[in-house]
C-alpha atoms as a PDB file:
ATOM      1  CA  MET A   1      -1.595 -20.181  -8.068  1.00  0.00           C
ATOM      2  CA  PRO A   2       1.983 -19.021  -6.706  1.00  0.00           C
ATOM      3  CA  GLY A   3       1.755 -15.803  -5.158  1.00  0.00           C
ATOM      4  CA  ILE A   4       3.889 -13.057  -5.778  1.00  0.00           C
ATOM      5  CA  ARG A   5       5.429 -10.093  -3.798  1.00  0.00           C
ATOM      6  CA  GLU A   6       6.931  -6.923  -4.465  1.00  0.00           C
ATOM      7  CA  THR A   7       8.768  -4.368  -2.657  1.00  0.00           C
ATOM      8  CA  ARG A   8       9.058  -0.723  -3.731  1.00  0.00           C
ATOM      9  CA  ARG A   9      10.531   2.414  -2.508  1.00  0.00           C
ATOM     10  CA  LEU A  10       8.609   5.319  -3.963  1.00  0.00           C
ATOM     11  CA  PRO A  11       8.822   9.173  -3.815  1.00  0.00           C
ATOM     12  CA  TYR A  12       5.466   9.234  -2.003  1.00  0.00           C
ATOM     13  CA  SER A  13       4.654   9.515   1.701  1.00  0.00           C
ATOM     14  CA  ALA A  14       3.255   6.317   3.427  1.00  0.00           C
ATOM     15  CA  GLU A  15       0.088   8.544   4.036  1.00  0.00           C
ATOM     16  CA  GLN A  16      -0.632   9.185   0.370  1.00  0.00           C
ATOM     17  CA  MET A  17       0.174   5.941  -1.178  1.00  0.00           C
ATOM     18  CA  PHE A  18      -2.504   4.229   1.390  1.00  0.00           C
ATOM     19  CA  ASP A  19      -5.131   6.881   0.526  1.00  0.00           C
ATOM     20  CA  LEU A  20      -4.533   5.421  -3.073  1.00  0.00           C
ATOM     21  CA  VAL A  21      -4.774   2.509  -2.379  1.00  0.00           C
ATOM     22  CA  ALA A  22      -7.656   2.846  -0.086  1.00  0.00           C
ATOM     23  CA  ASP A  23      -9.508   4.549  -2.662  1.00  0.00           C
ATOM     24  CA  VAL A  24     -11.164   1.575  -4.339  1.00  0.00           C
ATOM     25  CA  ALA A  25     -13.907   3.426  -5.781  1.00  0.00           C
ATOM     26  CA  ARG A  26     -11.613   4.954  -8.751  1.00  0.00           C
ATOM     27  CA  TYR A  27      -9.726   1.568  -9.529  1.00  0.00           C
ATOM     28  CA  GLY A  28     -11.824   1.663 -12.440  1.00  0.00           C
ATOM     29  CA  GLU A  29      -9.871   4.842 -13.424  1.00  0.00           C
ATOM     30  CA  PHE A  30      -6.636   3.138 -13.964  1.00  0.00           C
ATOM     31  CA  LEU A  31      -6.332  -0.345 -13.151  1.00  0.00           C
ATOM     32  CA  PRO A  32      -6.133  -2.501 -16.234  1.00  0.00           C
ATOM     33  CA  TRP A  33      -8.983  -5.351 -16.468  1.00  0.00           C
ATOM     34  CA  VAL A  34     -10.837  -3.419 -13.398  1.00  0.00           C
ATOM     35  CA  ILE A  35     -13.956  -2.852 -15.032  1.00  0.00           C
ATOM     36  CA  ALA A  36     -16.209  -1.194 -12.434  1.00  0.00           C
ATOM     37  CA  THR A  37     -16.500  -1.127  -8.510  1.00  0.00           C
ATOM     38  CA  ARG A  38     -19.312  -0.664  -5.871  1.00  0.00           C
ATOM     39  CA  VAL A  39     -18.151   0.389  -2.275  1.00  0.00           C
ATOM     40  CA  ARG A  40     -21.119  -1.085  -0.255  1.00  0.00           C
ATOM     41  CA  SER A  41     -19.715   0.114   3.234  1.00  0.00           C
ATOM     42  CA  ASN A  42     -16.869   2.397   3.904  1.00  0.00           C
ATOM     43  CA  SER A  43     -15.380   3.370   7.454  1.00  0.00           C
ATOM     44  CA  GLU A  44     -11.954   4.206   8.854  1.00  0.00           C
ATOM     45  CA  THR A  45     -11.212   0.865   9.544  1.00  0.00           C
ATOM     46  CA  GLU A  46     -13.355  -1.181   7.340  1.00  0.00           C
ATOM     47  CA  MET A  47     -14.669  -1.150   3.565  1.00  0.00           C
ATOM     48  CA  VAL A  48     -16.818  -3.979   1.787  1.00  0.00           C
ATOM     49  CA  ALA A  49     -16.575  -3.905  -2.140  1.00  0.00           C
ATOM     50  CA  ASP A  50     -17.592  -4.950  -5.460  1.00  0.00           C
ATOM     51  CA  MET A  51     -15.389  -5.294  -8.285  1.00  0.00           C
ATOM     52  CA  VAL A  52     -15.641  -6.275 -11.442  1.00  0.00           C
ATOM     53  CA  VAL A  53     -12.940  -7.707 -13.815  1.00  0.00           C
ATOM     54  CA  GLY A  54     -12.487  -8.849 -17.213  1.00  0.00           C
ATOM     55  CA  PHE A  55     -10.196  -9.691 -19.822  1.00  0.00           C
ATOM     56  CA  LYS A  56     -11.039 -10.536 -23.518  1.00  0.00           C
ATOM     57  CA  ALA A  57     -14.486 -12.396 -23.025  1.00  0.00           C
ATOM     58  CA  ILE A  58     -14.273 -13.252 -19.765  1.00  0.00           C
ATOM     59  CA  ARG A  59     -15.985 -11.279 -16.839  1.00  0.00           C
ATOM     60  CA  GLU A  60     -15.946 -12.099 -12.950  1.00  0.00           C
ATOM     61  CA  SER A  61     -17.251 -10.526 -10.182  1.00  0.00           C
ATOM     62  CA  PHE A  62     -16.190 -10.603  -6.305  1.00  0.00           C
ATOM     63  CA  THR A  63     -16.522  -9.225  -3.222  1.00  0.00           C
ATOM     64  CA  SER A  64     -14.114  -8.018  -0.639  1.00  0.00           C
ATOM     65  CA  ARG A  65     -13.904  -7.278   3.016  1.00  0.00           C
ATOM     66  CA  VAL A  66     -11.247  -4.218   3.356  1.00  0.00           C
ATOM     67  CA  THR A  67      -9.308  -4.023   6.804  1.00  0.00           C
ATOM     68  CA  LYS A  68      -7.342  -0.641   6.871  1.00  0.00           C
ATOM     69  CA  ASP A  69      -4.519   0.037   9.518  1.00  0.00           C
ATOM     70  CA  ARG A  70      -3.915   3.642   8.564  1.00  0.00           C
ATOM     71  CA  PRO A  71      -1.313   4.048   7.207  1.00  0.00           C
ATOM     72  CA  ARG A  72       0.526   0.922   7.770  1.00  0.00           C
ATOM     73  CA  GLU A  73      -1.881  -1.554   6.637  1.00  0.00           C
ATOM     74  CA  ILE A  74      -4.431  -2.502   3.942  1.00  0.00           C
ATOM     75  CA  ALA A  75      -5.622  -5.899   3.796  1.00  0.00           C
ATOM     76  CA  VAL A  76      -8.474  -7.599   1.363  1.00  0.00           C
ATOM     77  CA  HIS A  77     -10.422 -10.599   2.550  1.00  0.00           C
ATOM     78  CA  TYR A  78     -12.300 -12.759   0.083  1.00  0.00           C
ATOM     79  CA  VAL A  79     -15.935 -12.951   0.334  1.00  0.00           C
ATOM     80  CA  ASP A  80     -17.595 -14.458  -2.476  1.00  0.00           C
ATOM     81  CA  GLY A  81     -16.956 -14.870  -6.377  1.00  0.00           C
ATOM     82  CA  PRO A  82     -15.162 -16.996  -8.839  1.00  0.00           C
ATOM     83  CA  LEU A  83     -11.836 -17.821  -6.251  1.00  0.00           C
ATOM     84  CA  SER A  84     -11.646 -20.133  -3.720  1.00  0.00           C
ATOM     85  CA  ASP A  85      -8.804 -18.052  -2.073  1.00  0.00           C
ATOM     86  CA  LEU A  86      -7.518 -14.709  -2.007  1.00  0.00           C
ATOM     87  CA  GLU A  87      -4.381 -13.367   0.071  1.00  0.00           C
ATOM     88  CA  ASN A  88      -3.965  -9.405  -0.796  1.00  0.00           C
ATOM     89  CA  VAL A  89      -2.176  -7.453   1.445  1.00  0.00           C
ATOM     90  CA  TRP A  90      -0.459  -3.871   1.211  1.00  0.00           C
ATOM     91  CA  THR A  91       1.696  -2.596   4.002  1.00  0.00           C
ATOM     92  CA  PHE A  92       3.346   0.864   3.829  1.00  0.00           C
ATOM     93  CA  ARG A  93       6.419   2.275   5.640  1.00  0.00           C
ATOM     94  CA  ALA A  94       7.486   5.716   5.791  1.00  0.00           C
ATOM     95  CA  ILE A  95      11.061   6.075   5.051  1.00  0.00           C
ATOM     96  CA  ASP A  96      10.889  10.238   5.657  1.00  0.00           C
ATOM     97  CA  GLU A  97       8.189  12.930   4.944  1.00  0.00           C
ATOM     98  CA  ARG A  98       8.090  12.070   1.161  1.00  0.00           C
ATOM     99  CA  THR A  99       9.515   8.728   0.850  1.00  0.00           C
ATOM    100  CA  CYS A 100       7.896   5.421   1.510  1.00  0.00           C
ATOM    101  CA  GLU A 101       8.621   1.336   1.039  1.00  0.00           C
ATOM    102  CA  ILE A 102       5.773  -0.620  -0.222  1.00  0.00           C
ATOM    103  CA  ASP A 103       5.510  -4.247   0.019  1.00  0.00           C
ATOM    104  CA  PHE A 104       2.468  -5.328  -1.941  1.00  0.00           C
ATOM    105  CA  LEU A 105       1.368  -9.334  -1.935  1.00  0.00           C
ATOM    106  CA  VAL A 106      -1.365 -11.236  -3.808  1.00  0.00           C
ATOM    107  CA  ASP A 107      -2.085 -15.027  -4.126  1.00  0.00           C
ATOM    108  CA  PHE A 108      -5.005 -16.261  -5.308  1.00  0.00           C
ATOM    109  CA  THR A 109      -6.843 -19.469  -6.544  1.00  0.00           C
ATOM    110  CA  PHE A 110      -9.781 -20.033  -8.900  1.00  0.00           C
ATOM    111  CA  LYS A 111     -12.355 -22.563  -8.085  1.00  0.00           C
ATOM    112  CA  ASN A 112     -12.528 -23.199 -12.030  1.00  0.00           C
ATOM    113  CA  ARG A 113     -10.140 -24.835 -13.253  1.00  0.00           C
ATOM    114  CA  LEU A 114      -9.607 -23.470 -16.298  1.00  0.00           C
ATOM    115  CA  PHE A 115      -9.494 -19.889 -15.383  1.00  0.00           C
ATOM    116  CA  GLU A 116      -6.786 -20.949 -13.229  1.00  0.00           C
ATOM    117  CA  LYS A 117      -4.790 -21.971 -16.132  1.00  0.00           C
ATOM    118  CA  ILE A 118      -5.407 -18.940 -18.132  1.00  0.00           C
ATOM    119  CA  ALA A 119      -4.384 -16.609 -14.825  1.00  0.00           C
ATOM    120  CA  GLY A 120      -1.370 -18.920 -14.349  1.00  0.00           C
ATOM    121  CA  GLN A 121      -0.440 -17.705 -17.951  1.00  0.00           C
ATOM    122  CA  TYR A 122      -0.609 -14.134 -17.644  1.00  0.00           C
ATOM    123  CA  PHE A 123      -0.637 -14.036 -13.610  1.00  0.00           C
ATOM    124  CA  ASP A 124       3.291 -12.681 -13.360  1.00  0.00           C
ATOM    125  CA  LYS A 125       2.696 -10.202 -16.100  1.00  0.00           C
ATOM    126  CA  ALA A 126      -0.233  -8.660 -14.820  1.00  0.00           C
ATOM    127  CA  PHE A 127       0.455  -8.504 -11.623  1.00  0.00           C
ATOM    128  CA  ARG A 128       3.696  -5.990 -12.800  1.00  0.00           C
ATOM    129  CA  LYS A 129       1.042  -4.426 -14.620  1.00  0.00           C
ATOM    130  CA  MET A 130      -0.417  -3.405 -11.890  1.00  0.00           C
ATOM    131  CA  VAL A 131       2.179  -2.307  -9.804  1.00  0.00           C
ATOM    132  CA  GLU A 132       2.776   0.180 -12.689  1.00  0.00           C
ATOM    133  CA  ALA A 133      -0.926   1.437 -12.653  1.00  0.00           C
ATOM    134  CA  PHE A 134      -0.236   2.131  -9.220  1.00  0.00           C
ATOM    135  CA  GLU A 135       2.596   3.824  -9.383  1.00  0.00           C
ATOM    136  CA  LYS A 136       1.591   5.957 -12.428  1.00  0.00           C
ATOM    137  CA  ARG A 137      -1.685   6.861 -10.944  1.00  0.00           C
ATOM    138  CA  ALA A 138       0.628   8.276  -7.421  1.00  0.00           C
ATOM    139  CA  ALA A 139       2.571  10.449 -10.052  1.00  0.00           C
ATOM    140  CA  GLN A 140      -0.587  11.894 -11.255  1.00  0.00           C
ATOM    141  CA  LEU A 141      -1.931  12.720  -8.053  1.00  0.00           C
ATOM    142  CA  TYR A 142       1.096  13.276  -6.093  1.00  0.00           C
ATOM    143  CA  GLY A 143       3.431  14.879  -9.137  1.00  0.00           C
ATOM    144  CA  SER A 144       6.390  13.096 -10.852  1.00  0.00           C
ATOM    145  CA  ASN A 145       9.372  12.555  -8.893  1.00  0.00           C
ATOM    146  CA  SER A 146       9.643   8.870  -9.876  1.00  0.00           C
ATOM    147  CA  SER A 147      13.598   9.617 -10.326  1.00  0.00           C
ATOM    148  CA  SER A 148      14.238   8.014  -7.095  1.00  0.00           C
ATOM    149  CA  ALA A 149      11.480   5.374  -7.332  1.00  0.00           C
ATOM    150  CA  HIS A 150      13.164   1.730  -7.733  1.00  0.00           C
ATOM    151  CA  SER A 151      12.416  -1.808  -6.535  1.00  0.00           C
ATOM    152  CA  VAL A 152      13.853  -3.107  -3.791  1.00  0.00           C
ATOM    153  CA  ALA A 153      12.905  -6.670  -4.187  1.00  0.00           C
END
């Protein structure tokens, strides 16, 4: 599966965006296809969480270990589920007190070839929708100043 990387400059602090991405327990409130999440353990530097995702009749759950380097990086390490591989890294770079640049990379491979084929057809669109969902959530939580938000890659 080809990976996708997106870089955006947003009108929120690196700390705000880090907090939003690190709040896995609330993903079901705003991320498309996320049906449920369960945080098994959580500390300042590491989290283990389960997530159930679904699209139409397909439902899959997986477990990830998330390493957190506040406020610079969040990296998702795949533990168990329908994938054979997952790479997901968020980096946050402060531009000033109220602006940051986020870099988001995701790349995964399903164990099941049918899921792989289905995911391949929708991956780019789903990725863009997910990035938009994070941006909309940031506007809800931190106020809308989206006129200065733009993609830089």
